PDB file of all heavy atoms in Angstrom:
ATOM      1  N   ILE A   1       4.573 -11.119 -32.461  1.00  0.00           N
ATOM      2  CA  ILE A   1       5.244 -11.900 -31.411  1.00  0.00           C
ATOM      3  C   ILE A   1       4.789 -11.366 -30.033  1.00  0.00           C
ATOM      4  O   ILE A   1       4.527 -12.096 -29.110  1.00  0.00           O
ATOM      5  CB  ILE A   1       6.806 -11.838 -31.542  1.00  0.00           C
ATOM      6  CG1 ILE A   1       7.210 -12.574 -32.862  1.00  0.00           C
ATOM      7  CG2 ILE A   1       7.454 -12.416 -30.302  1.00  0.00           C
ATOM      8  CD1 ILE A   1       6.820 -14.032 -32.837  1.00  0.00           C
ATOM      9  N   GLY A   2       4.671 -10.017 -29.955  1.00  0.00           N
ATOM     10  CA  GLY A   2       4.161  -9.402 -28.708  1.00  0.00           C
ATOM     11  C   GLY A   2       2.703  -9.886 -28.397  1.00  0.00           C
ATOM     12  O   GLY A   2       2.384 -10.218 -27.232  1.00  0.00           O
ATOM     13  N   ARG A   3       1.930  -9.951 -29.439  1.00  0.00           N
ATOM     14  CA  ARG A   3       0.517 -10.457 -29.264  1.00  0.00           C
ATOM     15  C   ARG A   3       0.468 -11.854 -28.868  1.00  0.00           C
ATOM     16  O   ARG A   3      -0.294 -12.277 -28.037  1.00  0.00           O
ATOM     17  CB  ARG A   3      -0.268 -10.158 -30.572  1.00  0.00           C
ATOM     18  CG  ARG A   3      -1.768 -10.285 -30.413  1.00  0.00           C
ATOM     19  CD  ARG A   3      -2.396 -10.938 -31.705  1.00  0.00           C
ATOM     20  NE  ARG A   3      -1.807 -12.214 -31.995  1.00  0.00           N
ATOM     21  CZ  ARG A   3      -2.194 -13.325 -31.362  1.00  0.00           C
ATOM     22  NH1 ARG A   3      -3.099 -13.303 -30.357  1.00  0.00           N
ATOM     23  NH2 ARG A   3      -1.657 -14.472 -31.725  1.00  0.00           N
ATOM     24  N   ALA A   4       1.371 -12.644 -29.493  1.00  0.00           N
ATOM     25  CA  ALA A   4       1.343 -14.125 -29.138  1.00  0.00           C
ATOM     26  C   ALA A   4       1.798 -14.317 -27.711  1.00  0.00           C
ATOM     27  O   ALA A   4       1.245 -15.193 -27.016  1.00  0.00           O
ATOM     28  CB  ALA A   4       2.377 -14.831 -30.115  1.00  0.00           C
ATOM     29  N   ALA A   5       2.736 -13.498 -27.234  1.00  0.00           N
ATOM     30  CA  ALA A   5       3.171 -13.629 -25.891  1.00  0.00           C
ATOM     31  C   ALA A   5       2.065 -13.317 -24.904  1.00  0.00           C
ATOM     32  O   ALA A   5       1.946 -13.903 -23.829  1.00  0.00           O
ATOM     33  CB  ALA A   5       4.363 -12.706 -25.574  1.00  0.00           C
ATOM     34  N   GLU A   6       1.241 -12.348 -25.293  1.00  0.00           N
ATOM     35  CA  GLU A   6       0.144 -11.947 -24.423  1.00  0.00           C
ATOM     36  C   GLU A   6      -1.030 -12.929 -24.446  1.00  0.00           C
ATOM     37  O   GLU A   6      -1.862 -12.964 -23.572  1.00  0.00           O
ATOM     38  CB  GLU A   6      -0.414 -10.565 -24.890  1.00  0.00           C
ATOM     39  CG  GLU A   6       0.592  -9.448 -24.635  1.00  0.00           C
ATOM     40  CD  GLU A   6       0.103  -8.116 -25.249  1.00  0.00           C
ATOM     41  OE1 GLU A   6      -0.991  -8.142 -25.874  1.00  0.00           O
ATOM     42  OE2 GLU A   6       0.780  -7.136 -25.065  1.00  0.00           O
ATOM     43  N   ALA A   7      -0.964 -13.831 -25.486  1.00  0.00           N
ATOM     44  CA  ALA A   7      -2.055 -14.819 -25.602  1.00  0.00           C
ATOM     45  C   ALA A   7      -1.857 -16.022 -24.697  1.00  0.00           C
ATOM     46  O   ALA A   7      -2.748 -16.922 -24.661  1.00  0.00           O
ATOM     47  CB  ALA A   7      -2.144 -15.261 -27.084  1.00  0.00           C
ATOM     48  N   THR A   8      -0.738 -16.102 -24.068  1.00  0.00           N
ATOM     49  CA  THR A   8      -0.451 -17.264 -23.181  1.00  0.00           C
ATOM     50  C   THR A   8       0.253 -16.861 -21.926  1.00  0.00           C
ATOM     51  O   THR A   8       0.962 -15.833 -21.902  1.00  0.00           O
ATOM     52  CB  THR A   8       0.426 -18.309 -23.932  1.00  0.00           C
ATOM     53  OG1 THR A   8       0.672 -19.411 -23.050  1.00  0.00           O
ATOM     54  CG2 THR A   8       1.733 -17.714 -24.360  1.00  0.00           C
ATOM     55  N   GLU A   9       0.046 -17.586 -20.853  1.00  0.00           N
ATOM     56  CA  GLU A   9       0.788 -17.354 -19.637  1.00  0.00           C
ATOM     57  C   GLU A   9       1.969 -18.249 -19.530  1.00  0.00           C
ATOM     58  O   GLU A   9       2.742 -18.156 -18.551  1.00  0.00           O
ATOM     59  CB  GLU A   9      -0.166 -17.573 -18.433  1.00  0.00           C
ATOM     60  CG  GLU A   9      -1.335 -16.592 -18.386  1.00  0.00           C
ATOM     61  CD  GLU A   9      -2.208 -16.823 -17.171  1.00  0.00           C
ATOM     62  OE1 GLU A   9      -1.984 -17.823 -16.455  1.00  0.00           O
ATOM     63  OE2 GLU A   9      -3.148 -16.076 -16.943  1.00  0.00           O
ATOM     64  N   GLU A  10       2.191 -19.127 -20.495  1.00  0.00           N
ATOM     65  CA  GLU A  10       3.302 -20.023 -20.495  1.00  0.00           C
ATOM     66  C   GLU A  10       4.633 -19.240 -20.752  1.00  0.00           C
ATOM     67  O   GLU A  10       4.613 -18.192 -21.440  1.00  0.00           O
ATOM     68  CB  GLU A  10       3.156 -21.092 -21.609  1.00  0.00           C
ATOM     69  CG  GLU A  10       1.951 -21.947 -21.439  1.00  0.00           C
ATOM     70  CD  GLU A  10       1.832 -22.981 -22.573  1.00  0.00           C
ATOM     71  OE1 GLU A  10       2.866 -23.155 -23.305  1.00  0.00           O
ATOM     72  OE2 GLU A  10       0.751 -23.455 -22.759  1.00  0.00           O
ATOM     73  N   ARG A  11       5.686 -19.728 -20.183  1.00  0.00           N
ATOM     74  CA  ARG A  11       7.026 -19.083 -20.460  1.00  0.00           C
ATOM     75  C   ARG A  11       7.471 -19.313 -21.866  1.00  0.00           C
ATOM     76  O   ARG A  11       8.089 -18.452 -22.473  1.00  0.00           O
ATOM     77  CB  ARG A  11       8.109 -19.649 -19.453  1.00  0.00           C
ATOM     78  CG  ARG A  11       9.431 -19.092 -19.661  1.00  0.00           C
ATOM     79  CD  ARG A  11      10.443 -19.526 -18.589  1.00  0.00           C
ATOM     80  NE  ARG A  11      11.752 -19.001 -18.792  1.00  0.00           N
ATOM     81  CZ  ARG A  11      12.693 -19.589 -19.519  1.00  0.00           C
ATOM     82  NH1 ARG A  11      12.458 -20.764 -20.087  1.00  0.00           N
ATOM     83  NH2 ARG A  11      13.888 -18.989 -19.666  1.00  0.00           N
ATOM     84  N   VAL A  12       7.108 -20.517 -22.440  1.00  0.00           N
ATOM     85  CA  VAL A  12       7.519 -20.844 -23.790  1.00  0.00           C
ATOM     86  C   VAL A  12       6.414 -20.429 -24.751  1.00  0.00           C
ATOM     87  O   VAL A  12       5.248 -20.931 -24.629  1.00  0.00           O
ATOM     88  CB  VAL A  12       7.845 -22.312 -23.985  1.00  0.00           C
ATOM     89  CG1 VAL A  12       8.226 -22.694 -25.387  1.00  0.00           C
ATOM     90  CG2 VAL A  12       8.963 -22.720 -22.962  1.00  0.00           C
ATOM     91  N   VAL A  13       6.641 -19.582 -25.710  1.00  0.00           N
ATOM     92  CA  VAL A  13       5.637 -19.157 -26.667  1.00  0.00           C
ATOM     93  C   VAL A  13       5.775 -20.080 -27.863  1.00  0.00           C
ATOM     94  O   VAL A  13       6.847 -20.278 -28.418  1.00  0.00           O
ATOM     95  CB  VAL A  13       5.861 -17.685 -27.104  1.00  0.00           C
ATOM     96  CG1 VAL A  13       4.843 -17.212 -28.076  1.00  0.00           C
ATOM     97  CG2 VAL A  13       5.851 -16.758 -25.875  1.00  0.00           C
ATOM     98  N   ARG A  14       4.610 -20.651 -28.280  1.00  0.00           N
ATOM     99  CA  ARG A  14       4.613 -21.662 -29.297  1.00  0.00           C
ATOM    100  C   ARG A  14       3.959 -21.205 -30.636  1.00  0.00           C
ATOM    101  O   ARG A  14       3.328 -20.107 -30.662  1.00  0.00           O
ATOM    102  CB  ARG A  14       3.821 -22.866 -28.760  1.00  0.00           C
ATOM    103  CG  ARG A  14       4.421 -23.401 -27.473  1.00  0.00           C
ATOM    104  CD  ARG A  14       3.555 -24.511 -26.890  1.00  0.00           C
ATOM    105  NE  ARG A  14       4.124 -24.948 -25.605  1.00  0.00           N
ATOM    106  CZ  ARG A  14       5.051 -25.903 -25.510  1.00  0.00           C
ATOM    107  NH1 ARG A  14       5.573 -26.495 -26.617  1.00  0.00           N
ATOM    108  NH2 ARG A  14       5.564 -26.212 -24.367  1.00  0.00           N
ATOM    109  N   ALA A  15       4.113 -22.041 -31.654  1.00  0.00           N
ATOM    110  CA  ALA A  15       3.565 -21.646 -32.987  1.00  0.00           C
ATOM    111  C   ALA A  15       2.052 -21.456 -32.958  1.00  0.00           C
ATOM    112  O   ALA A  15       1.518 -20.553 -33.651  1.00  0.00           O
ATOM    113  CB  ALA A  15       3.931 -22.732 -33.969  1.00  0.00           C
ATOM    114  N   GLU A  16       1.390 -22.203 -32.104  1.00  0.00           N
ATOM    115  CA  GLU A  16      -0.087 -22.130 -32.126  1.00  0.00           C
ATOM    116  C   GLU A  16      -0.534 -20.822 -31.489  1.00  0.00           C
ATOM    117  O   GLU A  16      -1.729 -20.482 -31.591  1.00  0.00           O
ATOM    118  CB  GLU A  16      -0.699 -23.304 -31.361  1.00  0.00           C
ATOM    119  CG  GLU A  16      -0.154 -23.543 -30.019  1.00  0.00           C
ATOM    120  CD  GLU A  16       0.958 -24.586 -29.984  1.00  0.00           C
ATOM    121  OE1 GLU A  16       1.683 -24.681 -30.982  1.00  0.00           O
ATOM    122  OE2 GLU A  16       1.051 -25.358 -28.988  1.00  0.00           O
ATOM    123  N   HIS A  17       0.307 -20.081 -30.855  1.00  0.00           N
ATOM    124  CA  HIS A  17      -0.085 -18.792 -30.298  1.00  0.00           C
ATOM    125  C   HIS A  17      -0.055 -17.663 -31.384  1.00  0.00           C
ATOM    126  O   HIS A  17      -0.554 -16.577 -31.077  1.00  0.00           O
ATOM    127  CB  HIS A  17       0.896 -18.395 -29.149  1.00  0.00           C
ATOM    128  CG  HIS A  17       0.786 -19.362 -28.009  1.00  0.00           C
ATOM    129  ND1 HIS A  17       1.895 -19.843 -27.324  1.00  0.00           N
ATOM    130  CD2 HIS A  17      -0.264 -19.994 -27.435  1.00  0.00           C
ATOM    131  CE1 HIS A  17       1.538 -20.699 -26.374  1.00  0.00           C
ATOM    132  NE2 HIS A  17       0.248 -20.809 -26.409  1.00  0.00           N
ATOM    133  N   LEU A  18       0.458 -17.927 -32.496  1.00  0.00           N
ATOM    134  CA  LEU A  18       0.455 -16.998 -33.629  1.00  0.00           C
ATOM    135  C   LEU A  18      -0.958 -16.876 -34.185  1.00  0.00           C
ATOM    136  O   LEU A  18      -1.685 -17.910 -34.301  1.00  0.00           O
ATOM    137  CB  LEU A  18       1.420 -17.344 -34.730  1.00  0.00           C
ATOM    138  CG  LEU A  18       2.903 -17.241 -34.415  1.00  0.00           C
ATOM    139  CD1 LEU A  18       3.673 -17.867 -35.614  1.00  0.00           C
ATOM    140  CD2 LEU A  18       3.296 -15.802 -34.267  1.00  0.00           C
ATOM    141  N   SER A  19      -1.356 -15.716 -34.705  1.00  0.00           N
ATOM    142  CA  SER A  19      -2.598 -15.609 -35.396  1.00  0.00           C
ATOM    143  C   SER A  19      -2.458 -16.308 -36.754  1.00  0.00           C
ATOM    144  O   SER A  19      -1.329 -16.266 -37.352  1.00  0.00           O
ATOM    145  CB  SER A  19      -2.923 -14.124 -35.676  1.00  0.00           C
ATOM    146  OG  SER A  19      -3.013 -13.368 -34.486  1.00  0.00           O
ATOM    147  N   GLU A  20      -3.497 -16.951 -37.201  1.00  0.00           N
ATOM    148  CA  GLU A  20      -3.387 -17.754 -38.461  1.00  0.00           C
ATOM    149  C   GLU A  20      -2.981 -16.891 -39.658  1.00  0.00           C
ATOM    150  O   GLU A  20      -2.128 -17.307 -40.423  1.00  0.00           O
ATOM    151  CB  GLU A  20      -4.777 -18.404 -38.707  1.00  0.00           C
ATOM    152  CG  GLU A  20      -4.695 -19.241 -40.009  1.00  0.00           C
ATOM    153  CD  GLU A  20      -6.036 -19.934 -40.283  1.00  0.00           C
ATOM    154  OE1 GLU A  20      -6.720 -20.338 -39.333  1.00  0.00           O
ATOM    155  OE2 GLU A  20      -6.400 -20.044 -41.484  1.00  0.00           O
ATOM    156  N   GLY A  21      -3.495 -15.696 -39.784  1.00  0.00           N
ATOM    157  CA  GLY A  21      -3.180 -14.847 -40.926  1.00  0.00           C
ATOM    158  C   GLY A  21      -1.972 -13.992 -40.712  1.00  0.00           C
ATOM    159  O   GLY A  21      -1.598 -13.312 -41.685  1.00  0.00           O
ATOM    160  N   ALA A  22      -1.379 -14.028 -39.490  1.00  0.00           N
ATOM    161  CA  ALA A  22      -0.220 -13.123 -39.295  1.00  0.00           C
ATOM    162  C   ALA A  22       0.913 -13.524 -40.186  1.00  0.00           C
ATOM    163  O   ALA A  22       1.244 -14.691 -40.418  1.00  0.00           O
ATOM    164  CB  ALA A  22       0.211 -13.184 -37.842  1.00  0.00           C
ATOM    165  N   GLY A  23       1.620 -12.484 -40.721  1.00  0.00           N
ATOM    166  CA  GLY A  23       2.768 -12.741 -41.529  1.00  0.00           C
ATOM    167  C   GLY A  23       2.434 -13.134 -42.982  1.00  0.00           C
ATOM    168  O   GLY A  23       3.347 -13.378 -43.797  1.00  0.00           O
ATOM    169  N   SER A  24       1.177 -13.106 -43.328  1.00  0.00           N
ATOM    170  CA  SER A  24       0.762 -13.428 -44.692  1.00  0.00           C
ATOM    171  C   SER A  24       0.138 -12.202 -45.335  1.00  0.00           C
ATOM    172  O   SER A  24      -0.439 -11.298 -44.695  1.00  0.00           O
ATOM    173  CB  SER A  24      -0.258 -14.596 -44.741  1.00  0.00           C
ATOM    174  OG  SER A  24       0.306 -15.742 -44.136  1.00  0.00           O
ATOM    175  N   ALA A  25       0.248 -12.135 -46.671  1.00  0.00           N
ATOM    176  CA  ALA A  25      -0.347 -10.976 -47.354  1.00  0.00           C
ATOM    177  C   ALA A  25      -1.865 -11.012 -47.241  1.00  0.00           C
ATOM    178  O   ALA A  25      -2.483 -12.094 -47.331  1.00  0.00           O
ATOM    179  CB  ALA A  25       0.089 -11.036 -48.867  1.00  0.00           C
ATOM    180  N   PRO A  26      -2.512  -9.880 -47.062  1.00  0.00           N
ATOM    181  CA  PRO A  26      -3.996  -9.866 -46.955  1.00  0.00           C
ATOM    182  C   PRO A  26      -4.566 -10.305 -48.287  1.00  0.00           C
ATOM    183  O   PRO A  26      -4.050 -10.055 -49.385  1.00  0.00           O
ATOM    184  CB  PRO A  26      -4.292  -8.399 -46.690  1.00  0.00           C
ATOM    185  CG  PRO A  26      -3.080  -7.641 -47.122  1.00  0.00           C
ATOM    186  CD  PRO A  26      -1.961  -8.596 -46.905  1.00  0.00           C
ATOM    187  N   ALA A  27      -5.723 -10.908 -48.202  1.00  0.00           N
ATOM    188  CA  ALA A  27      -6.389 -11.402 -49.431  1.00  0.00           C
ATOM    189  C   ALA A  27      -6.873 -10.182 -50.257  1.00  0.00           C
ATOM    190  O   ALA A  27      -7.300  -9.149 -49.674  1.00  0.00           O
ATOM    191  CB  ALA A  27      -7.607 -12.276 -49.068  1.00  0.00           C
ATOM    192  N   PRO A  28      -6.841 -10.267 -51.599  1.00  0.00           N
ATOM    193  CA  PRO A  28      -7.370  -9.169 -52.406  1.00  0.00           C
ATOM    194  C   PRO A  28      -8.802  -8.863 -52.131  1.00  0.00           C
ATOM    195  O   PRO A  28      -9.616  -9.772 -51.834  1.00  0.00           O
ATOM    196  CB  PRO A  28      -7.179  -9.689 -53.813  1.00  0.00           C
ATOM    197  CG  PRO A  28      -6.129 -10.743 -53.713  1.00  0.00           C
ATOM    198  CD  PRO A  28      -6.320 -11.374 -52.404  1.00  0.00           C
ATOM    199  N   ARG A  29      -9.256  -7.587 -52.158  1.00  0.00           N
ATOM    200  CA  ARG A  29     -10.542  -7.218 -51.763  1.00  0.00           C
ATOM    201  C   ARG A  29     -11.613  -7.859 -52.702  1.00  0.00           C
ATOM    202  O   ARG A  29     -12.678  -8.143 -52.302  1.00  0.00           O
ATOM    203  CB  ARG A  29     -10.737  -5.697 -51.773  1.00  0.00           C
ATOM    204  CG  ARG A  29      -9.928  -4.998 -50.683  1.00  0.00           C
ATOM    205  CD  ARG A  29     -10.160  -3.516 -50.695  1.00  0.00           C
ATOM    206  NE  ARG A  29      -9.481  -2.864 -49.591  1.00  0.00           N
ATOM    207  CZ  ARG A  29      -9.555  -1.513 -49.400  1.00  0.00           C
ATOM    208  NH1 ARG A  29     -10.233  -0.777 -50.216  1.00  0.00           N
ATOM    209  NH2 ARG A  29      -8.824  -1.014 -48.427  1.00  0.00           N
ATOM    210  N   ARG A  30     -11.251  -7.940 -53.954  1.00  0.00           N
ATOM    211  CA  ARG A  30     -12.290  -8.431 -54.971  1.00  0.00           C
ATOM    212  C   ARG A  30     -12.174  -9.931 -55.220  1.00  0.00           C
ATOM    213  O   ARG A  30     -12.769 -10.477 -56.114  1.00  0.00           O
ATOM    214  CB  ARG A  30     -12.056  -7.693 -56.263  1.00  0.00           C
ATOM    215  CG  ARG A  30     -12.273  -6.166 -56.123  1.00  0.00           C
ATOM    216  CD  ARG A  30     -12.166  -5.471 -57.468  1.00  0.00           C
ATOM    217  NE  ARG A  30     -12.375  -4.068 -57.424  1.00  0.00           N
ATOM    218  CZ  ARG A  30     -12.346  -3.265 -58.429  1.00  0.00           C
ATOM    219  NH1 ARG A  30     -12.100  -3.694 -59.613  1.00  0.00           N
ATOM    220  NH2 ARG A  30     -12.494  -1.924 -58.254  1.00  0.00           N
ATOM    221  N   SER A  31     -11.425 -10.623 -54.408  1.00  0.00           N
ATOM    222  CA  SER A  31     -11.209 -12.044 -54.649  1.00  0.00           C
ATOM    223  C   SER A  31     -11.087 -12.776 -53.431  1.00  0.00           C
ATOM    224  O   SER A  31     -10.635 -12.241 -52.353  1.00  0.00           O
ATOM    225  CB  SER A  31      -9.897 -12.282 -55.511  1.00  0.00           C
ATOM    226  OG  SER A  31      -9.633 -13.678 -55.579  1.00  0.00           O
ATOM    227  N   ALA A  32     -11.582 -14.016 -53.400  1.00  0.00           N
ATOM    228  CA  ALA A  32     -11.487 -14.834 -52.152  1.00  0.00           C
ATOM    229  C   ALA A  32     -10.105 -15.495 -52.093  1.00  0.00           C
ATOM    230  O   ALA A  32      -9.838 -16.214 -51.182  1.00  0.00           O
ATOM    231  CB  ALA A  32     -12.592 -15.928 -52.225  1.00  0.00           C
ATOM    232  N   GLY A  33      -9.258 -15.159 -52.975  1.00  0.00           N
ATOM    233  CA  GLY A  33      -7.916 -15.795 -52.985  1.00  0.00           C
ATOM    234  C   GLY A  33      -7.562 -16.266 -54.349  1.00  0.00           C
ATOM    235  O   GLY A  33      -8.274 -16.096 -55.338  1.00  0.00           O
ATOM    236  N   PRO A  34      -6.390 -16.970 -54.494  1.00  0.00           N
ATOM    237  CA  PRO A  34      -5.936 -17.468 -55.758  1.00  0.00           C
ATOM    238  C   PRO A  34      -6.914 -18.513 -56.317  1.00  0.00           C
ATOM    239  O   PRO A  34      -7.426 -19.346 -55.520  1.00  0.00           O
ATOM    240  CB  PRO A  34      -4.525 -18.002 -55.495  1.00  0.00           C
ATOM    241  CG  PRO A  34      -4.537 -18.281 -54.062  1.00  0.00           C
ATOM    242  CD  PRO A  34      -5.422 -17.224 -53.427  1.00  0.00           C
ATOM    243  N   GLY A  35      -7.049 -18.572 -57.597  1.00  0.00           N
ATOM    244  CA  GLY A  35      -7.886 -19.588 -58.169  1.00  0.00           C
ATOM    245  C   GLY A  35      -7.158 -20.894 -58.414  1.00  0.00           C
ATOM    246  O   GLY A  35      -5.968 -20.994 -58.172  1.00  0.00           O
ATOM    247  N   ARG A  36      -7.856 -21.864 -59.032  1.00  0.00           N
ATOM    248  CA  ARG A  36      -7.302 -23.176 -59.246  1.00  0.00           C
ATOM    249  C   ARG A  36      -6.018 -23.115 -60.086  1.00  0.00           C
ATOM    250  O   ARG A  36      -5.003 -23.705 -59.792  1.00  0.00           O
ATOM    251  CB  ARG A  36      -8.329 -24.091 -59.932  1.00  0.00           C
ATOM    252  CG  ARG A  36      -7.803 -25.515 -60.216  1.00  0.00           C
ATOM    253  CD  ARG A  36      -8.708 -26.177 -61.257  1.00  0.00           C
ATOM    254  NE  ARG A  36     -10.099 -26.245 -60.788  1.00  0.00           N
ATOM    255  CZ  ARG A  36     -10.608 -27.296 -60.168  1.00  0.00           C
ATOM    256  NH1 ARG A  36      -9.851 -28.331 -59.938  1.00  0.00           N
ATOM    257  NH2 ARG A  36     -11.874 -27.343 -59.815  1.00  0.00           N
ATOM    258  N   GLU A  37      -6.098 -22.368 -61.227  1.00  0.00           N
ATOM    259  CA  GLU A  37      -4.953 -22.310 -62.146  1.00  0.00           C
ATOM    260  C   GLU A  37      -3.720 -21.683 -61.465  1.00  0.00           C
ATOM    261  O   GLU A  37      -2.595 -22.126 -61.649  1.00  0.00           O
ATOM    262  CB  GLU A  37      -5.357 -21.618 -63.405  1.00  0.00           C
ATOM    263  CG  GLU A  37      -6.346 -22.312 -64.310  1.00  0.00           C
ATOM    264  CD  GLU A  37      -6.618 -21.591 -65.522  1.00  0.00           C
ATOM    265  OE1 GLU A  37      -5.976 -20.549 -65.818  1.00  0.00           O
ATOM    266  OE2 GLU A  37      -7.455 -22.109 -66.313  1.00  0.00           O
ATOM    267  N   GLU A  38      -3.944 -20.587 -60.725  1.00  0.00           N
ATOM    268  CA  GLU A  38      -2.859 -19.937 -60.034  1.00  0.00           C
ATOM    269  C   GLU A  38      -2.219 -20.784 -58.993  1.00  0.00           C
ATOM    270  O   GLU A  38      -1.010 -20.873 -58.851  1.00  0.00           O
ATOM    271  CB  GLU A  38      -3.356 -18.604 -59.391  1.00  0.00           C
ATOM    272  CG  GLU A  38      -2.204 -17.763 -58.854  1.00  0.00           C
ATOM    273  CD  GLU A  38      -2.747 -16.430 -58.320  1.00  0.00           C
ATOM    274  OE1 GLU A  38      -4.005 -16.172 -58.346  1.00  0.00           O
ATOM    275  OE2 GLU A  38      -1.927 -15.631 -57.833  1.00  0.00           O
ATOM    276  N   ILE A  39      -3.038 -21.560 -58.252  1.00  0.00           N
ATOM    277  CA  ILE A  39      -2.523 -22.520 -57.260  1.00  0.00           C
ATOM    278  C   ILE A  39      -1.725 -23.576 -57.937  1.00  0.00           C
ATOM    279  O   ILE A  39      -0.606 -23.976 -57.494  1.00  0.00           O
ATOM    280  CB  ILE A  39      -3.696 -23.104 -56.454  1.00  0.00           C
ATOM    281  CG1 ILE A  39      -4.273 -22.011 -55.558  1.00  0.00           C
ATOM    282  CG2 ILE A  39      -3.214 -24.289 -55.609  1.00  0.00           C
ATOM    283  CD1 ILE A  39      -5.581 -22.520 -54.847  1.00  0.00           C
ATOM    284  N   ALA A  40      -2.270 -24.083 -59.087  1.00  0.00           N
ATOM    285  CA  ALA A  40      -1.557 -25.173 -59.774  1.00  0.00           C
ATOM    286  C   ALA A  40      -0.199 -24.711 -60.283  1.00  0.00           C
ATOM    287  O   ALA A  40       0.792 -25.409 -60.235  1.00  0.00           O
ATOM    288  CB  ALA A  40      -2.391 -25.725 -60.879  1.00  0.00           C
ATOM    289  N   ARG A  41      -0.157 -23.473 -60.837  1.00  0.00           N
ATOM    290  CA  ARG A  41       1.081 -22.959 -61.340  1.00  0.00           C
ATOM    291  C   ARG A  41       2.109 -22.752 -60.197  1.00  0.00           C
ATOM    292  O   ARG A  41       3.293 -23.095 -60.344  1.00  0.00           O
ATOM    293  CB  ARG A  41       0.837 -21.598 -62.069  1.00  0.00           C
ATOM    294  CG  ARG A  41       0.209 -21.753 -63.422  1.00  0.00           C
ATOM    295  CD  ARG A  41       0.380 -20.418 -64.201  1.00  0.00           C
ATOM    296  NE  ARG A  41      -0.241 -19.292 -63.532  1.00  0.00           N
ATOM    297  CZ  ARG A  41      -1.538 -18.942 -63.724  1.00  0.00           C
ATOM    298  NH1 ARG A  41      -2.349 -19.606 -64.529  1.00  0.00           N
ATOM    299  NH2 ARG A  41      -1.981 -17.870 -63.058  1.00  0.00           N
ATOM    300  N   ALA A  42       1.657 -22.263 -59.021  1.00  0.00           N
ATOM    301  CA  ALA A  42       2.553 -22.071 -57.909  1.00  0.00           C
ATOM    302  C   ALA A  42       3.113 -23.390 -57.448  1.00  0.00           C
ATOM    303  O   ALA A  42       4.289 -23.513 -57.080  1.00  0.00           O
ATOM    304  CB  ALA A  42       1.803 -21.328 -56.803  1.00  0.00           C
ATOM    305  N   LEU A  43       2.209 -24.400 -57.331  1.00  0.00           N
ATOM    306  CA  LEU A  43       2.731 -25.760 -56.917  1.00  0.00           C
ATOM    307  C   LEU A  43       3.697 -26.346 -57.856  1.00  0.00           C
ATOM    308  O   LEU A  43       4.667 -26.972 -57.472  1.00  0.00           O
ATOM    309  CB  LEU A  43       1.485 -26.630 -56.698  1.00  0.00           C
ATOM    310  CG  LEU A  43       0.597 -26.372 -55.454  1.00  0.00           C
ATOM    311  CD1 LEU A  43      -0.671 -27.187 -55.573  1.00  0.00           C
ATOM    312  CD2 LEU A  43       1.393 -26.697 -54.175  1.00  0.00           C
ATOM    313  N   GLN A  44       3.420 -26.129 -59.143  1.00  0.00           N
ATOM    314  CA  GLN A  44       4.308 -26.713 -60.149  1.00  0.00           C
ATOM    315  C   GLN A  44       5.684 -25.971 -60.091  1.00  0.00           C
ATOM    316  O   GLN A  44       6.763 -26.629 -60.141  1.00  0.00           O
ATOM    317  CB  GLN A  44       3.735 -26.502 -61.571  1.00  0.00           C
ATOM    318  CG  GLN A  44       4.619 -27.138 -62.712  1.00  0.00           C
ATOM    319  CD  GLN A  44       3.984 -26.973 -64.037  1.00  0.00           C
ATOM    320  OE1 GLN A  44       2.979 -26.264 -64.201  1.00  0.00           O
ATOM    321  NE2 GLN A  44       4.477 -27.704 -65.002  1.00  0.00           N
ATOM    322  N   ALA A  45       5.704 -24.656 -59.901  1.00  0.00           N
ATOM    323  CA  ALA A  45       6.950 -23.926 -59.819  1.00  0.00           C
ATOM    324  C   ALA A  45       7.734 -24.334 -58.573  1.00  0.00           C
ATOM    325  O   ALA A  45       8.929 -24.261 -58.532  1.00  0.00           O
ATOM    326  CB  ALA A  45       6.657 -22.417 -59.751  1.00  0.00           C
TER     327      ALA A  45
END
């Protein structure tokens, strides 16, 4: 939130001022992310 505030001179800080990956778990080092089956299971759940 501090970084987002510094990213704009506006008084109102908006969602687009957040970093895209902020607040999300880092991707595993050996993988580009979840695969098709894992995504499908998560969506089904």
